[in-house]
């Protein structure tokens, strides 16, 4: 699935007005001076907090430090550090001087980090080797207001896509804040009390982790986990009275699997948002029980910000499996291989067009996404619409497995297998096979409780839920699925590690 900007999904720097991000933070510091703005929670549970006044002062200091290092309006600044107070201040410091922050994976091996940095070609890099030096230098700077500057692009997000090759997606919107930036996602269904207290459980190098800075500029409070931990999510919800958060299905599965989940206090939570992959139905029903269908939103989008679809849990119950209808003006078309529209229920490539999109640009040589003459664009996902305009995802075309001449979509097989109580996590890939061309292969992480599964048990379970040609021919058990901090998997790397 395409991973999307599901925590924002609003016009970014539309022509016709807006307040520069840095100036907006200054205004907030004057209005909300001593109110809590950002809390960062370390892996040991200790926390550091900043008020809006402190945040603005420290952002000015970081802006000056970055400027002395060579950054200026339009400069690309690589931020290769984990979720932390430093990361927030560095991003805000970029916007203060008109630079463009690009958060990136901090834990890449050196060879891969070098490839990503070569693509970005940043004027300044803040990484684990230099962050303390930058912080010390910033602390010596003046915290007085800086001249107003506008970043010509809001930010960049690093992605390996489905090819494994590094690319950076630049959001071409100017960093101009409007009230639409900070409208709660849930507000399309029901009023949401503000300011919100938003938990950021995942890495900020991912769009869903970085986008809450838009809400911060609207006056909401952020509680940022330095590293995702299911138990720490529950502790933070109770301690800080979290009102909402965005999470992937893998994160939600890990939280729901905690032994004391039924005794924890979710009374502060107004709503949550799920995205980045299709939610297995059993997991979704678990969260309906923990909260309610009316408190759970699901969305589909992509980092390129082509558009969004969304729906609430009660809608999902009447349209099971859907990721919603066009959201905030998004239009949807399903086109066949020749670019012709197909009817309800027919599979095709998903194309979106939305007023929220300000465009994107790739660094790294990736070709632009396919588009139509009238401005619809596709990220390569396959799906269909029903008669009411609800969208159903199948998978990415690049991940499709052609086995014995039939098309198998890994996401469908994964969703079916994920329902098994003995499976904690699963990834389905296609491996070279002399008989089938490519065979469907399931990589399974067993659940910690219960008797260990066997290959034949997994295959029998799949046969009870899937057409025969979709059933895995082989099953491999691993101690842990190799997921990133954003809970993504690199399918191409997994395939290569198994011989292609």
Protein backbone atom coordinates (compact mmCIF):
# COMPACT_ATOMS: atom_id res chain seq x y z
CA UNK A 1 0.00 0.00 0.00
CA UNK A 2 1.09 3.56 -0.42
CA UNK A 3 1.88 5.17 2.87
CA UNK A 4 0.14 8.48 3.14
CA UNK A 5 -0.09 11.86 4.79
CA UNK A 6 -3.02 10.68 6.82
CA UNK A 7 -2.41 12.97 9.76
CA UNK A 8 -2.72 16.12 7.67
CA UNK A 9 -4.48 15.92 4.32
CA UNK A 10 -5.15 19.61 4.09
CA UNK A 11 -4.06 22.38 1.73
CA UNK A 12 -0.44 23.24 2.35
CA UNK A 13 0.49 26.78 1.47
CA UNK A 14 -2.21 27.47 -1.04
CA UNK A 15 -1.79 30.50 -3.21
CA UNK A 16 -3.64 33.42 -1.79
CA UNK A 17 -2.43 33.70 1.76
CA UNK A 18 -1.06 32.12 4.84
CA UNK A 19 1.34 32.88 7.66
CA UNK A 20 4.96 31.69 7.37
CA UNK A 21 5.46 28.72 9.66
CA UNK A 22 8.13 30.49 11.69
CA UNK A 23 5.98 33.59 12.16
CA UNK A 24 3.03 31.42 13.16
CA UNK A 25 5.09 29.92 15.99
CA UNK A 26 5.98 33.44 17.15
CA UNK A 27 2.29 34.35 17.23
CA UNK A 28 1.50 31.22 19.24
CA UNK A 29 4.24 32.05 21.74
CA UNK A 30 2.59 35.43 22.33
CA UNK A 31 -0.91 33.96 22.62
CA UNK A 32 -0.20 30.74 24.54
CA UNK A 33 3.01 31.72 26.28
CA UNK A 34 3.23 29.31 29.24
CA UNK A 35 0.95 26.59 27.92
CA UNK A 36 2.46 23.18 27.26
CA UNK A 37 3.44 22.68 23.61
CA UNK A 38 5.65 19.61 23.21
CA UNK A 39 6.58 16.70 25.46
CA UNK A 40 9.17 14.16 24.34
CA UNK A 41 9.16 10.82 26.15
CA UNK A 42 12.43 8.88 26.23
CA UNK A 43 12.69 5.10 26.06
CA UNK A 44 13.06 4.93 29.85
CA UNK A 45 9.87 6.94 30.35
CA UNK A 46 11.53 10.20 31.36
CA UNK A 47 10.04 13.26 29.71
CA UNK A 48 11.15 16.72 28.59
CA UNK A 49 8.60 19.48 28.09
CA UNK A 50 8.56 22.85 26.35
CA UNK A 51 5.97 25.61 26.52
CA UNK A 52 5.04 27.57 23.40
CA UNK A 53 7.25 30.44 24.57
CA UNK A 54 10.21 28.15 25.15
CA UNK A 55 9.61 26.39 21.85
CA UNK A 56 9.69 29.65 19.91
CA UNK A 57 12.83 30.88 21.66
CA UNK A 58 14.67 27.60 21.13
CA UNK A 59 13.54 27.42 17.48
CA UNK A 60 15.03 30.88 16.91
CA UNK A 61 18.28 29.67 18.45
CA UNK A 62 18.34 26.59 16.26
CA UNK A 63 17.54 28.70 13.21
CA UNK A 64 20.58 30.87 13.88
CA UNK A 65 22.79 27.83 14.46
CA UNK A 66 21.65 26.26 11.18
CA UNK A 67 22.18 29.56 9.35
CA UNK A 68 25.73 29.81 10.69
CA UNK A 69 26.31 26.28 9.37
CA UNK A 70 25.32 27.49 5.90
CA UNK A 71 21.57 26.96 5.66
CA UNK A 72 19.42 29.70 4.16
CA UNK A 73 16.12 30.10 2.35
CA UNK A 74 15.58 27.04 0.15
CA UNK A 75 18.46 25.01 1.59
CA UNK A 76 17.83 21.32 2.11
CA UNK A 77 18.68 20.22 5.66
CA UNK A 78 18.95 16.49 6.45
CA UNK A 79 17.80 15.56 9.96
CA UNK A 80 19.13 12.05 10.60
CA UNK A 81 18.27 11.85 14.29
CA UNK A 82 15.57 9.96 16.22
CA UNK A 83 12.37 11.45 17.56
CA UNK A 84 13.52 13.94 20.16
CA UNK A 85 13.30 17.52 21.29
CA UNK A 86 16.31 18.19 19.07
CA UNK A 87 14.47 16.92 15.99
CA UNK A 88 11.46 19.16 16.65
CA UNK A 89 13.64 22.20 17.27
CA UNK A 90 15.77 21.54 14.18
CA UNK A 91 12.67 21.28 11.97
CA UNK A 92 11.17 24.45 13.43
CA UNK A 93 14.56 26.14 13.14
CA UNK A 94 14.61 25.32 9.43
CA UNK A 95 11.24 26.99 8.94
CA UNK A 96 12.40 30.01 10.92
CA UNK A 97 15.09 30.72 8.31
CA UNK A 98 13.24 29.42 5.23
CA UNK A 99 15.18 26.16 4.93
CA UNK A 100 13.59 22.83 4.05
CA UNK A 101 13.76 20.07 6.70
CA UNK A 102 14.15 16.49 5.49
CA UNK A 103 13.84 13.97 8.33
CA UNK A 104 15.47 10.66 7.47
CA UNK A 105 16.07 7.22 8.98
CA UNK A 106 18.70 7.64 11.68
CA UNK A 107 19.62 3.97 11.96
CA UNK A 108 20.59 3.13 8.38
CA UNK A 109 23.85 1.28 7.76
CA UNK A 110 26.60 3.62 6.61
CA UNK A 111 26.48 2.50 2.98
CA UNK A 112 22.75 3.13 2.74
CA UNK A 113 22.91 6.43 4.61
CA UNK A 114 25.57 7.59 2.15
CA UNK A 115 23.26 6.79 -0.78
CA UNK A 116 20.37 8.73 0.76
CA UNK A 117 22.54 11.74 1.61
CA UNK A 118 23.93 11.70 -1.93
CA UNK A 119 20.36 11.99 -3.22
CA UNK A 120 19.47 14.82 -0.83
CA UNK A 121 22.79 16.66 -1.21
CA UNK A 122 21.97 18.72 1.91
CA UNK A 123 23.61 22.01 2.78
CA UNK A 124 23.56 20.92 6.43
CA UNK A 125 23.27 17.47 8.00
CA UNK A 126 22.24 17.02 11.63
CA UNK A 127 23.01 13.44 12.69
CA UNK A 128 23.98 11.60 15.85
CA UNK A 129 27.60 12.66 15.40
CA UNK A 130 26.79 16.37 15.27
CA UNK A 131 23.49 16.88 17.08
CA UNK A 132 25.02 17.65 20.47
CA UNK A 133 27.39 20.14 18.87
CA UNK A 134 24.47 21.81 17.12
CA UNK A 135 22.46 21.85 20.35
CA UNK A 136 25.33 23.42 22.29
CA UNK A 137 25.89 25.96 19.55
CA UNK A 138 22.18 26.79 19.43
CA UNK A 139 22.10 27.31 23.20
CA UNK A 140 24.64 30.11 22.80
CA UNK A 141 22.55 31.91 20.17
CA UNK A 142 20.05 34.71 20.73
CA UNK A 143 16.46 33.58 21.09
CA UNK A 144 15.13 36.92 19.81
CA UNK A 145 12.79 36.90 16.79
CA UNK A 146 14.35 36.23 13.41
CA UNK A 147 13.47 38.07 10.20
CA UNK A 148 10.40 36.45 8.66
CA UNK A 149 11.28 33.83 6.03
CA UNK A 150 9.23 31.36 4.00
CA UNK A 151 10.48 27.89 3.14
CA UNK A 152 9.73 27.37 -0.58
CA UNK A 153 8.92 23.72 0.18
CA UNK A 154 7.38 22.49 3.42
CA UNK A 155 9.62 19.45 3.80
CA UNK A 156 10.96 16.31 2.17
CA UNK A 157 10.30 12.70 3.10
CA UNK A 158 12.73 9.87 2.30
CA UNK A 159 11.39 6.71 0.72
CA UNK A 160 12.78 3.58 -0.86
CA UNK A 161 9.50 2.95 -2.66
CA UNK A 162 8.97 -0.58 -3.96
CA UNK A 163 12.35 -0.70 -5.74
CA UNK A 164 14.64 -0.33 -2.74
CA UNK A 165 16.36 2.62 -4.42
CA UNK A 166 16.46 5.82 -2.34
CA UNK A 167 14.32 8.74 -3.34
CA UNK A 168 13.21 11.89 -1.57
CA UNK A 169 9.71 13.27 -2.04
CA UNK A 170 9.66 17.05 -1.79
CA UNK A 171 6.35 18.71 -0.91
CA UNK A 172 6.24 21.69 -3.28
CA UNK A 173 3.89 23.73 -1.11
CA UNK A 174 5.35 26.79 0.57
CA UNK A 175 5.54 26.67 4.36
CA UNK A 176 2.59 29.01 4.85
CA UNK A 177 0.20 28.11 7.64
CA UNK A 178 -3.56 28.47 7.28
CA UNK A 179 -6.22 27.33 9.77
CA UNK A 180 -7.05 24.45 7.41
CA UNK A 181 -3.66 22.92 8.23
CA UNK A 182 -4.77 22.15 11.75
CA UNK A 183 -8.39 21.06 11.32
CA UNK A 184 -8.79 17.71 13.11
CA UNK A 185 -9.40 14.82 10.77
CA UNK A 186 -12.43 13.78 12.82
CA UNK A 187 -14.05 17.19 12.36
CA UNK A 188 -15.55 15.98 9.09
CA UNK A 189 -17.81 13.68 11.16
CA UNK A 190 -18.27 15.39 14.51
CA UNK A 191 -17.01 18.40 16.50
CA UNK A 192 -13.61 17.93 18.16
CA UNK A 193 -12.62 19.86 21.30
CA UNK A 194 -9.41 21.83 20.85
CA UNK A 195 -6.62 22.11 21.70
CA UNK A 196 -6.03 18.43 21.18
CA UNK A 197 -3.33 16.45 22.97
CA UNK A 198 -1.86 14.36 20.18
CA UNK A 199 0.36 11.34 20.70
CA UNK A 200 3.07 10.78 18.07
CA UNK A 201 3.93 7.09 18.52
CA UNK A 202 5.88 6.48 15.31
CA UNK A 203 9.05 7.88 13.75
CA UNK A 204 8.94 11.44 12.50
CA UNK A 205 10.90 10.53 9.38
CA UNK A 206 7.57 9.12 8.18
CA UNK A 207 4.85 11.47 6.94
CA UNK A 208 2.45 10.40 9.67
CA UNK A 209 5.01 11.28 12.32
CA UNK A 210 6.09 14.60 10.80
CA UNK A 211 2.64 15.92 9.87
CA UNK A 212 1.53 16.55 13.50
CA UNK A 213 3.80 19.60 13.45
CA UNK A 214 0.97 21.14 11.41
CA UNK A 215 -1.32 20.59 14.39
CA UNK A 216 1.28 22.06 16.72
CA UNK A 217 1.19 25.25 14.65
CA UNK A 218 -2.57 25.26 15.18
CA UNK A 219 -2.09 25.27 18.96
CA UNK A 220 -2.44 21.56 19.71
CA UNK A 221 -0.10 19.83 22.15
CA UNK A 222 2.20 17.02 21.01
CA UNK A 223 3.44 14.10 23.09
CA UNK A 224 6.21 12.43 21.09
CA UNK A 225 7.60 8.98 21.86
CA UNK A 226 11.29 8.76 21.06
CA UNK A 227 10.67 5.15 19.98
CA UNK A 228 7.44 3.23 19.51
CA UNK A 229 6.68 0.87 22.36
CA UNK A 230 3.19 -0.58 22.80
CA UNK A 231 3.22 -0.43 26.60
CA UNK A 232 4.56 3.11 26.54
CA UNK A 233 1.69 4.16 24.26
CA UNK A 234 -0.80 3.09 26.92
CA UNK A 235 1.20 4.77 29.68
CA UNK A 236 1.31 8.01 27.68
CA UNK A 237 -2.43 7.92 26.95
CA UNK A 238 -3.18 7.69 30.66
CA UNK A 239 -0.47 10.06 31.91
CA UNK A 240 -1.00 12.86 29.41
CA UNK A 241 -4.72 12.35 28.71
CA UNK A 242 -4.12 11.82 25.02
CA UNK A 243 -7.09 12.75 22.82
CA UNK A 244 -5.96 11.21 19.53
CA UNK A 245 -3.14 9.51 17.65
CA UNK A 246 -2.32 7.98 14.27
CA UNK A 247 -0.98 4.43 13.98
CA UNK A 248 -0.36 1.63 11.52
CA UNK A 249 -2.13 -1.73 11.79
CA UNK A 250 1.08 -3.30 13.11
CA UNK A 251 1.28 -0.75 15.91
CA UNK A 252 -2.38 -1.24 16.78
CA UNK A 253 -1.94 -5.01 16.80
CA UNK A 254 0.98 -4.76 19.22
CA UNK A 255 -0.97 -2.45 21.52
CA UNK A 256 -4.06 -4.68 21.45
CA UNK A 257 -1.95 -7.75 22.25
CA UNK A 258 -0.80 -6.37 25.63
CA UNK A 259 -2.11 -8.58 28.43
CA UNK A 260 -3.62 -5.71 30.43
CA UNK A 261 -5.22 -3.92 27.48
CA UNK A 262 -8.76 -4.47 28.81
CA UNK A 263 -7.95 -2.73 32.09
CA UNK A 264 -6.36 0.40 30.66
CA UNK A 265 -7.95 3.85 30.66
CA UNK A 266 -8.93 5.13 27.21
CA UNK A 267 -11.43 7.68 28.53
CA UNK A 268 -9.46 10.67 27.24
CA UNK A 269 -9.29 9.36 23.66
CA UNK A 270 -11.70 11.14 21.33
CA UNK A 271 -10.59 9.44 18.12
CA UNK A 272 -7.75 7.57 16.45
CA UNK A 273 -6.66 7.36 12.83
CA UNK A 274 -5.34 4.28 11.10
CA UNK A 275 -3.54 4.21 7.80
CA UNK A 276 -0.51 3.01 5.78
CA UNK A 277 -2.02 -0.45 5.16
CA UNK A 278 -5.37 -2.22 5.10
CA UNK A 279 -6.59 -3.08 8.61
CA UNK A 280 -7.35 -6.80 9.19
CA UNK A 281 -11.05 -7.08 10.12
CA UNK A 282 -10.46 -8.97 13.37
CA UNK A 283 -8.04 -6.30 14.58
CA UNK A 284 -10.46 -3.58 13.62
CA UNK A 285 -13.25 -5.22 15.62
CA UNK A 286 -10.89 -5.46 18.59
CA UNK A 287 -10.44 -1.69 18.48
CA UNK A 288 -14.17 -1.17 18.01
CA UNK A 289 -14.54 -2.96 21.35
CA UNK A 290 -11.72 -0.99 23.02
CA UNK A 291 -13.16 2.34 21.85
CA UNK A 292 -16.17 2.39 19.52
CA UNK A 293 -16.66 2.33 15.74
CA UNK A 294 -17.49 6.05 15.87
CA UNK A 295 -14.04 6.84 17.34
CA UNK A 296 -11.97 5.06 14.70
CA UNK A 297 -11.08 6.56 11.34
CA UNK A 298 -9.32 4.86 8.45
CA UNK A 299 -7.66 6.67 5.60
CA UNK A 300 -5.73 6.07 2.41
CA UNK A 301 -3.24 8.44 0.85
CA UNK A 302 0.39 8.73 -0.12
CA UNK A 303 3.42 10.84 0.68
CA UNK A 304 3.12 12.57 -2.70
CA UNK A 305 -0.16 14.02 -1.35
CA UNK A 306 -2.18 13.14 -4.44
CA UNK A 307 -5.40 13.00 -2.44
CA UNK A 308 -7.14 11.20 0.40
CA UNK A 309 -9.97 8.82 1.10
CA UNK A 310 -11.39 8.22 4.57
CA UNK A 311 -14.24 6.65 6.48
CA UNK A 312 -15.33 6.16 10.08
CA UNK A 313 -15.75 2.78 11.76
CA UNK A 314 -19.54 2.80 11.58
CA UNK A 315 -19.29 3.36 7.81
CA UNK A 316 -16.82 0.49 7.55
CA UNK A 317 -19.36 -1.83 9.17
CA UNK A 318 -21.72 -1.21 6.27
CA UNK A 319 -18.84 -1.20 3.72
CA UNK A 320 -16.42 -3.78 5.18
CA UNK A 321 -12.95 -3.68 3.72
CA UNK A 322 -13.28 -0.17 2.30
CA UNK A 323 -10.83 2.67 2.87
CA UNK A 324 -13.53 5.27 2.33
CA UNK A 325 -14.70 7.84 -0.14
CA UNK A 326 -12.92 10.90 -1.47
CA UNK A 327 -11.99 13.19 1.43
CA UNK A 328 -11.71 16.99 1.39
CA UNK A 329 -12.46 17.30 -2.28
CA UNK A 330 -10.55 14.26 -3.52
CA UNK A 331 -11.92 12.70 -6.72
CA UNK A 332 -11.29 9.03 -7.54
CA UNK A 333 -11.05 7.22 -10.86
CA UNK A 334 -10.32 3.56 -11.53
CA UNK A 335 -8.63 3.10 -14.92
CA UNK A 336 -7.68 -0.01 -16.86
CA UNK A 337 -4.28 -0.63 -18.46
CA UNK A 338 -5.29 1.52 -21.44
CA UNK A 339 -6.37 4.48 -19.32
CA UNK A 340 -10.10 3.85 -19.69
CA UNK A 341 -12.49 4.12 -16.71
CA UNK A 342 -13.90 0.85 -15.40
CA UNK A 343 -17.23 0.26 -13.68
CA UNK A 344 -18.09 -0.47 -10.05
CA UNK A 345 -16.51 -3.67 -8.77
CA UNK A 346 -13.92 -3.84 -11.57
CA UNK A 347 -10.24 -3.76 -10.61
CA UNK A 348 -7.93 -1.14 -12.02
CA UNK A 349 -5.31 1.44 -11.15
CA UNK A 350 -6.39 4.02 -8.58
CA UNK A 351 -6.09 7.63 -9.76
CA UNK A 352 -6.72 10.62 -7.49
CA UNK A 353 -7.17 14.35 -8.00
CA UNK A 354 -7.48 16.78 -5.10
CA UNK A 355 -7.45 20.53 -4.43
CA UNK A 356 -5.20 19.90 -1.41
CA UNK A 357 -2.31 18.79 -3.60
CA UNK A 358 0.39 21.37 -4.27
CA UNK A 359 2.52 18.92 -6.20
CA UNK A 360 5.67 17.00 -5.44
CA UNK A 361 9.13 16.49 -6.88
CA UNK A 362 11.39 13.47 -6.60
CA UNK A 363 15.07 13.65 -5.83
CA UNK A 364 17.02 10.58 -6.84
CA UNK A 365 15.94 10.08 -10.44
CA UNK A 366 12.65 8.27 -9.83
CA UNK A 367 10.24 8.80 -12.75
CA UNK A 368 7.13 10.90 -12.06
CA UNK A 369 3.92 9.10 -11.25
CA UNK A 370 1.56 8.37 -14.15
CA UNK A 371 -1.06 11.05 -14.69
CA UNK A 372 -4.00 11.87 -16.92
CA UNK A 373 -4.38 14.93 -19.07
CA UNK A 374 -6.87 16.41 -16.60
CA UNK A 375 -4.70 16.03 -13.50
CA UNK A 376 -5.50 12.63 -11.97
CA UNK A 377 -2.41 10.79 -10.71
CA UNK A 378 -1.68 7.26 -9.54
CA UNK A 379 0.81 5.86 -7.04
CA UNK A 380 0.50 2.40 -8.55
CA UNK A 381 -2.14 0.98 -6.24
CA UNK A 382 -4.88 -1.33 -7.49
CA UNK A 383 -8.48 -1.28 -6.28
CA UNK A 384 -12.12 -0.83 -7.15
CA UNK A 385 -15.08 1.38 -6.29
CA UNK A 386 -18.53 0.24 -5.26
CA UNK A 387 -21.83 1.77 -6.37
CA UNK A 388 -21.67 4.37 -3.58
CA UNK A 389 -18.17 5.55 -4.39
CA UNK A 390 -16.38 3.70 -1.59
CA UNK A 391 -12.85 2.65 -2.49
CA UNK A 392 -11.43 -0.83 -1.85
CA UNK A 393 -7.68 -1.40 -2.03
CA UNK A 394 -6.18 -4.60 -3.32
CA UNK A 395 -2.41 -3.97 -3.36
CA UNK A 396 0.43 -2.22 -5.12
CA UNK A 397 0.89 -3.36 -8.71
CA UNK A 398 4.64 -3.59 -8.04
CA UNK A 399 4.00 -6.12 -5.24
CA UNK A 400 1.65 -8.32 -7.27
CA UNK A 401 2.74 -11.96 -7.59
CA UNK A 402 2.09 -13.67 -10.91
CA UNK A 403 1.97 -17.37 -10.05
CA UNK A 404 1.00 -19.97 -12.63
CA UNK A 405 -0.42 -17.15 -14.75
CA UNK A 406 -2.73 -15.87 -11.98
CA UNK A 407 -2.40 -12.58 -10.13
CA UNK A 408 -2.06 -12.75 -6.34
CA UNK A 409 -2.00 -9.62 -4.20
CA UNK A 410 0.11 -10.06 -1.04
CA UNK A 411 -2.04 -7.72 1.05
CA UNK A 412 -5.09 -9.95 0.59
CA UNK A 413 -3.19 -13.05 1.70
CA UNK A 414 -1.62 -11.19 4.62
CA UNK A 415 -5.01 -9.96 5.84
CA UNK A 416 -6.38 -13.51 5.73
CA UNK A 417 -3.44 -15.03 7.61
CA UNK A 418 -3.31 -12.20 10.16
CA UNK A 419 -6.67 -13.36 11.48
CA UNK A 420 -5.08 -16.55 12.84
CA UNK A 421 -4.56 -16.23 16.62
CA UNK A 422 -1.23 -18.02 16.37
CA UNK A 423 0.24 -15.49 13.94
CA UNK A 424 1.70 -12.29 15.38
CA UNK A 425 2.89 -10.85 12.07
CA UNK A 426 3.14 -11.96 8.46
CA UNK A 427 4.57 -10.80 5.14
CA UNK A 428 3.77 -12.49 1.83
CA UNK A 429 6.23 -12.33 -1.08
CA UNK A 430 6.73 -14.01 -4.43
CA UNK A 431 9.82 -16.19 -4.90
CA UNK A 432 11.24 -17.59 -8.13
CA UNK A 433 9.91 -21.09 -8.80
CA UNK A 434 10.52 -23.42 -11.79
CA UNK A 435 6.93 -24.70 -11.78
CA UNK A 436 4.91 -21.59 -10.94
CA UNK A 437 7.15 -18.81 -12.22
CA UNK A 438 6.82 -17.27 -8.80
CA UNK A 439 5.38 -19.05 -5.81
CA UNK A 440 3.43 -17.43 -2.99
CA UNK A 441 5.64 -17.56 0.12
CA UNK A 442 4.54 -16.53 3.62
CA UNK A 443 7.05 -15.28 6.18
CA UNK A 444 5.40 -15.78 9.56
CA UNK A 445 6.18 -14.54 13.04
CA UNK A 446 4.45 -16.82 15.53
CA UNK A 447 2.44 -15.46 18.44
CA UNK A 448 4.16 -15.83 21.79
CA UNK A 449 1.28 -17.71 23.40
CA UNK A 450 -0.19 -21.04 22.39
CA UNK A 451 1.36 -24.08 20.69
CA UNK A 452 3.74 -23.29 17.81
CA UNK A 453 2.22 -23.35 14.35
CA UNK A 454 3.44 -25.66 11.62
CA UNK A 455 3.69 -24.94 7.90
CA UNK A 456 0.80 -27.26 7.13
CA UNK A 457 -1.44 -25.60 9.73
CA UNK A 458 -0.80 -22.21 8.13
CA UNK A 459 -1.52 -23.60 4.67
CA UNK A 460 -4.72 -25.32 5.82
CA UNK A 461 -5.91 -22.09 7.44
CA UNK A 462 -5.18 -20.16 4.25
CA UNK A 463 -7.14 -22.74 2.21
CA UNK A 464 -10.17 -22.16 4.43
CA UNK A 465 -10.15 -18.44 3.63
CA UNK A 466 -8.65 -17.99 0.17
CA UNK A 467 -8.97 -19.29 -3.36
CA UNK A 468 -6.56 -22.15 -3.99
CA UNK A 469 -4.17 -20.22 -6.23
CA UNK A 470 -3.73 -17.56 -3.51
CA UNK A 471 -2.71 -20.02 -0.80
CA UNK A 472 1.01 -19.92 0.10
CA UNK A 473 2.94 -22.82 -1.37
CA UNK A 474 5.62 -22.45 1.29
CA UNK A 475 5.79 -21.00 4.78
CA UNK A 476 8.83 -19.74 6.64
CA UNK A 477 8.93 -18.99 10.36
CA UNK A 478 11.09 -16.19 11.73
CA UNK A 479 11.65 -14.79 15.20
CA UNK A 480 10.79 -11.29 14.03
CA UNK A 481 9.52 -9.72 10.80
CA UNK A 482 12.14 -7.17 9.69
CA UNK A 483 10.11 -4.00 9.98
CA UNK A 484 11.38 -0.43 10.19
CA UNK A 485 10.48 1.86 13.07
CA UNK A 486 7.54 2.98 10.91
CA UNK A 487 6.49 -0.73 10.78
CA UNK A 488 7.16 -0.98 7.04
CA UNK A 489 8.84 -3.90 5.31
CA UNK A 490 11.21 -3.84 2.35
CA UNK A 491 9.75 -6.59 0.18
CA UNK A 492 12.46 -6.34 -2.47
CA UNK A 493 15.15 -6.88 0.19
CA UNK A 494 13.26 -9.84 1.65
CA UNK A 495 12.92 -11.39 -1.82
CA UNK A 496 16.61 -10.82 -2.60
CA UNK A 497 17.66 -12.40 0.71
CA UNK A 498 15.77 -15.55 -0.32
CA UNK A 499 17.30 -15.86 -3.76
CA UNK A 500 14.97 -13.62 -5.76
